[in-house]
Amino acid sequence: MARLRKQLPSHLGAGELHYRGFTGTVDYEIQGEPSALRLGPARLRGFLTTTPEVAAEAFRAGEAELKLQDGARFRITLIGHSEGADVAYFEMRV
């Protein structure tokens, strides 16, 4: 019998991305509830949608800060991007 994983709720919104040399608006989707994230090794995953150029530059930067629609700020680590795509994948932590 296959073991089912608990499905985390999606948290959608428009936020502000900041990395060295750039600050701008992006759309994001996070798997899980960001307000429940506490200091420690736990992380949430998600992706951001923007222009292909910004997505590529953010991925190259590696680290960024994402300000959510509700004003909360989180450090993110960019973990994936396909050349020419407008999506970059990230992990977030407190």
N, C-alpha and C. Protein backbone atom coordinates (compact mmCIF):
# COMPACT_ATOMS: atom_id res chain seq x y z
N MET A 1 0.84 -1.16 0.00
CA MET A 1 0.00 0.00 0.00
C MET A 1 0.89 1.24 0.00
N ALA A 2 0.57 2.19 -0.85
CA ALA A 2 1.35 3.43 -0.95
C ALA A 2 1.06 4.33 0.25
N ARG A 3 2.09 4.93 0.74
CA ARG A 3 1.95 5.86 1.86
C ARG A 3 1.65 7.25 1.29
N LEU A 4 0.59 7.85 1.76
CA LEU A 4 0.21 9.17 1.28
C LEU A 4 0.88 10.25 2.12
N ARG A 5 1.32 11.30 1.45
CA ARG A 5 1.91 12.44 2.14
C ARG A 5 0.84 13.47 2.42
N LYS A 6 0.98 14.14 3.53
CA LYS A 6 0.06 15.21 3.86
C LYS A 6 0.25 16.34 2.85
N GLN A 7 -0.83 16.80 2.26
CA GLN A 7 -0.77 17.88 1.29
C GLN A 7 -0.76 19.23 2.01
N LEU A 8 0.29 20.01 1.83
CA LEU A 8 0.38 21.32 2.46
C LEU A 8 -0.46 22.33 1.68
N PRO A 9 -1.06 23.29 2.38
CA PRO A 9 -1.84 24.32 1.69
C PRO A 9 -0.92 25.25 0.90
N SER A 10 -1.42 25.78 -0.20
CA SER A 10 -0.66 26.74 -1.00
C SER A 10 -0.94 28.15 -0.52
N HIS A 11 0.10 28.94 -0.43
CA HIS A 11 0.00 30.34 -0.02
C HIS A 11 0.42 31.18 -1.23
N LEU A 12 -0.54 31.85 -1.87
CA LEU A 12 -0.30 32.62 -3.09
C LEU A 12 -0.30 34.11 -2.79
N GLY A 13 0.43 34.87 -3.60
CA GLY A 13 0.40 36.31 -3.44
C GLY A 13 1.38 37.02 -4.35
N ALA A 14 1.39 38.33 -4.22
CA ALA A 14 2.35 39.18 -4.92
C ALA A 14 3.22 39.81 -3.85
N GLY A 15 4.51 39.76 -4.05
CA GLY A 15 5.43 40.29 -3.05
C GLY A 15 6.57 41.05 -3.68
N GLU A 16 7.54 41.38 -2.84
CA GLU A 16 8.70 42.14 -3.29
C GLU A 16 9.95 41.30 -3.10
N LEU A 17 10.69 41.12 -4.17
CA LEU A 17 11.94 40.36 -4.15
C LEU A 17 13.10 41.34 -4.08
N HIS A 18 14.07 41.03 -3.21
CA HIS A 18 15.26 41.88 -3.13
C HIS A 18 16.49 40.98 -3.10
N TYR A 19 17.39 41.23 -4.05
CA TYR A 19 18.72 40.63 -4.03
C TYR A 19 19.69 41.69 -4.50
N ARG A 20 20.95 41.44 -4.38
CA ARG A 20 21.96 42.45 -4.70
C ARG A 20 21.73 43.05 -6.08
N GLY A 21 21.44 44.35 -6.11
CA GLY A 21 21.25 45.06 -7.37
C GLY A 21 19.84 45.05 -7.90
N PHE A 22 18.88 44.47 -7.19
CA PHE A 22 17.50 44.42 -7.69
C PHE A 22 16.50 44.43 -6.54
N THR A 23 15.45 45.20 -6.72
CA THR A 23 14.27 45.16 -5.87
C THR A 23 13.08 45.33 -6.80
N GLY A 24 12.14 44.39 -6.76
CA GLY A 24 10.98 44.48 -7.64
C GLY A 24 9.87 43.53 -7.23
N THR A 25 8.75 43.67 -7.90
CA THR A 25 7.56 42.88 -7.61
C THR A 25 7.59 41.53 -8.32
N VAL A 26 7.17 40.49 -7.60
CA VAL A 26 7.06 39.14 -8.16
C VAL A 26 5.78 38.50 -7.63
N ASP A 27 5.30 37.49 -8.33
CA ASP A 27 4.21 36.65 -7.82
C ASP A 27 4.86 35.41 -7.23
N TYR A 28 4.26 34.86 -6.19
CA TYR A 28 4.85 33.68 -5.55
C TYR A 28 3.77 32.68 -5.15
N GLU A 29 4.22 31.43 -4.97
CA GLU A 29 3.39 30.37 -4.39
C GLU A 29 4.27 29.59 -3.45
N ILE A 30 3.81 29.44 -2.21
CA ILE A 30 4.57 28.74 -1.17
C ILE A 30 3.75 27.54 -0.71
N GLN A 31 4.38 26.38 -0.62
CA GLN A 31 3.73 25.18 -0.12
C GLN A 31 3.86 25.15 1.39
N GLY A 32 2.78 25.48 2.09
CA GLY A 32 2.80 25.54 3.55
C GLY A 32 2.44 26.94 4.02
N GLU A 33 2.35 27.10 5.31
CA GLU A 33 1.96 28.38 5.90
C GLU A 33 3.19 29.11 6.42
N PRO A 34 3.59 30.20 5.78
CA PRO A 34 4.80 30.93 6.20
C PRO A 34 4.74 31.42 7.65
N SER A 35 3.58 31.80 8.14
CA SER A 35 3.49 32.31 9.51
C SER A 35 3.78 31.23 10.55
N ALA A 36 3.70 29.96 10.16
CA ALA A 36 3.98 28.86 11.08
C ALA A 36 5.46 28.48 11.11
N LEU A 37 6.26 29.07 10.23
CA LEU A 37 7.68 28.76 10.15
C LEU A 37 8.41 29.36 11.34
N ARG A 38 9.20 28.55 12.03
CA ARG A 38 9.94 28.98 13.22
C ARG A 38 11.44 28.88 12.98
N LEU A 39 12.19 29.55 13.83
CA LEU A 39 13.64 29.52 13.76
C LEU A 39 14.12 28.08 13.89
N GLY A 40 15.00 27.66 13.02
CA GLY A 40 15.53 26.31 13.05
C GLY A 40 15.74 25.77 11.65
N PRO A 41 15.92 24.46 11.54
CA PRO A 41 16.23 23.88 10.24
C PRO A 41 15.02 23.71 9.31
N ALA A 42 13.81 23.87 9.82
CA ALA A 42 12.62 23.67 8.99
C ALA A 42 12.56 24.71 7.87
N ARG A 43 12.13 24.26 6.70
CA ARG A 43 12.05 25.14 5.53
C ARG A 43 10.76 24.86 4.78
N LEU A 44 10.31 25.85 4.05
CA LEU A 44 9.18 25.69 3.15
C LEU A 44 9.70 25.89 1.73
N ARG A 45 9.03 25.26 0.79
CA ARG A 45 9.43 25.40 -0.62
C ARG A 45 8.37 26.17 -1.38
N GLY A 46 8.80 26.79 -2.45
CA GLY A 46 7.87 27.53 -3.28
C GLY A 46 8.53 27.95 -4.58
N PHE A 47 7.81 28.77 -5.32
CA PHE A 47 8.38 29.32 -6.55
C PHE A 47 7.88 30.73 -6.74
N LEU A 48 8.66 31.50 -7.49
CA LEU A 48 8.26 32.86 -7.83
C LEU A 48 8.19 32.99 -9.34
N THR A 49 7.29 33.85 -9.79
CA THR A 49 7.10 34.10 -11.21
C THR A 49 7.39 35.56 -11.49
N THR A 50 8.24 35.81 -12.47
CA THR A 50 8.65 37.17 -12.84
C THR A 50 9.13 37.12 -14.28
N THR A 51 9.89 38.08 -14.73
CA THR A 51 10.43 38.03 -16.09
C THR A 51 11.55 36.99 -16.14
N PRO A 52 11.81 36.41 -17.31
CA PRO A 52 12.90 35.43 -17.41
C PRO A 52 14.26 35.99 -16.97
N GLU A 53 14.51 37.26 -17.25
CA GLU A 53 15.78 37.87 -16.87
C GLU A 53 15.93 37.96 -15.35
N VAL A 54 14.87 38.41 -14.67
CA VAL A 54 14.92 38.54 -13.21
C VAL A 54 15.03 37.16 -12.56
N ALA A 55 14.29 36.18 -13.07
CA ALA A 55 14.35 34.82 -12.53
C ALA A 55 15.77 34.26 -12.65
N ALA A 56 16.41 34.48 -13.80
CA ALA A 56 17.77 33.98 -14.01
C ALA A 56 18.76 34.69 -13.09
N GLU A 57 18.65 36.01 -12.97
CA GLU A 57 19.56 36.77 -12.10
C GLU A 57 19.38 36.40 -10.63
N ALA A 58 18.14 36.21 -10.21
CA ALA A 58 17.88 35.81 -8.82
C ALA A 58 18.51 34.45 -8.55
N PHE A 59 18.38 33.52 -9.49
CA PHE A 59 18.97 32.19 -9.32
C PHE A 59 20.50 32.30 -9.24
N ARG A 60 21.08 33.13 -10.08
CA ARG A 60 22.54 33.31 -10.05
C ARG A 60 22.99 33.94 -8.73
N ALA A 61 22.16 34.84 -8.18
CA ALA A 61 22.49 35.48 -6.90
C ALA A 61 22.50 34.45 -5.77
N GLY A 62 21.61 33.45 -5.86
CA GLY A 62 21.60 32.37 -4.88
C GLY A 62 20.78 32.65 -3.63
N GLU A 63 20.95 33.82 -3.04
CA GLU A 63 20.23 34.21 -1.82
C GLU A 63 19.47 35.49 -2.11
N ALA A 64 18.29 35.62 -1.49
CA ALA A 64 17.48 36.82 -1.67
C ALA A 64 16.56 36.98 -0.46
N GLU A 65 15.81 38.06 -0.46
CA GLU A 65 14.80 38.29 0.57
C GLU A 65 13.47 38.48 -0.13
N LEU A 66 12.44 37.82 0.37
CA LEU A 66 11.10 37.93 -0.19
C LEU A 66 10.18 38.55 0.84
N LYS A 67 9.58 39.67 0.48
CA LYS A 67 8.59 40.32 1.35
C LYS A 67 7.22 39.88 0.84
N LEU A 68 6.47 39.21 1.71
CA LEU A 68 5.16 38.68 1.32
C LEU A 68 4.11 39.78 1.30
N GLN A 69 2.96 39.44 0.76
CA GLN A 69 1.85 40.37 0.64
C GLN A 69 1.43 40.94 1.99
N ASP A 70 1.55 40.13 3.05
CA ASP A 70 1.15 40.59 4.39
C ASP A 70 2.25 41.39 5.11
N GLY A 71 3.39 41.59 4.45
CA GLY A 71 4.48 42.38 5.01
C GLY A 71 5.58 41.58 5.67
N ALA A 72 5.38 40.28 5.88
CA ALA A 72 6.41 39.43 6.48
C ALA A 72 7.58 39.27 5.52
N ARG A 73 8.79 39.25 6.07
CA ARG A 73 10.01 39.10 5.25
C ARG A 73 10.69 37.77 5.58
N PHE A 74 11.16 37.09 4.53
CA PHE A 74 11.85 35.82 4.70
C PHE A 74 13.07 35.76 3.81
N ARG A 75 14.12 35.13 4.32
CA ARG A 75 15.29 34.84 3.49
C ARG A 75 14.95 33.64 2.63
N ILE A 76 15.35 33.68 1.38
CA ILE A 76 15.12 32.54 0.51
C ILE A 76 16.44 32.14 -0.15
N THR A 77 16.54 30.85 -0.43
CA THR A 77 17.66 30.30 -1.19
C THR A 77 17.09 29.78 -2.49
N LEU A 78 17.56 30.31 -3.61
CA LEU A 78 17.09 29.87 -4.92
C LEU A 78 17.73 28.53 -5.24
N ILE A 79 16.90 27.53 -5.55
CA ILE A 79 17.41 26.17 -5.74
C ILE A 79 17.20 25.64 -7.15
N GLY A 80 16.45 26.37 -8.00
CA GLY A 80 16.23 25.87 -9.35
C GLY A 80 15.70 26.91 -10.30
N HIS A 81 16.14 26.81 -11.55
CA HIS A 81 15.67 27.70 -12.61
C HIS A 81 16.08 27.09 -13.94
N SER A 82 15.19 27.12 -14.93
CA SER A 82 15.52 26.66 -16.27
C SER A 82 15.75 27.88 -17.15
N GLU A 83 16.83 27.87 -17.90
CA GLU A 83 17.18 29.01 -18.75
C GLU A 83 16.01 29.39 -19.66
N GLY A 84 15.65 30.66 -19.64
CA GLY A 84 14.56 31.17 -20.47
C GLY A 84 13.19 31.11 -19.81
N ALA A 85 13.09 30.46 -18.66
CA ALA A 85 11.80 30.34 -17.96
C ALA A 85 11.57 31.55 -17.06
N ASP A 86 10.30 31.83 -16.78
CA ASP A 86 9.96 32.96 -15.91
C ASP A 86 9.72 32.53 -14.47
N VAL A 87 10.14 31.32 -14.12
CA VAL A 87 9.92 30.76 -12.79
C VAL A 87 11.27 30.40 -12.16
N ALA A 88 11.41 30.70 -10.86
CA ALA A 88 12.57 30.27 -10.09
C ALA A 88 12.04 29.60 -8.82
N TYR A 89 12.65 28.50 -8.42
CA TYR A 89 12.21 27.73 -7.26
C TYR A 89 13.09 28.06 -6.06
N PHE A 90 12.49 28.07 -4.87
CA PHE A 90 13.25 28.46 -3.68
C PHE A 90 12.83 27.67 -2.45
N GLU A 91 13.71 27.74 -1.44
CA GLU A 91 13.41 27.28 -0.08
C GLU A 91 13.48 28.52 0.80
N MET A 92 12.56 28.61 1.75
CA MET A 92 12.56 29.76 2.64
C MET A 92 12.73 29.32 4.08
N ARG A 93 13.35 30.20 4.86
CA ARG A 93 13.58 29.93 6.28
C ARG A 93 13.48 31.25 7.03
N VAL A 94 13.43 31.15 8.35
CA VAL A 94 13.35 32.37 9.17
C VAL A 94 14.72 32.96 9.29
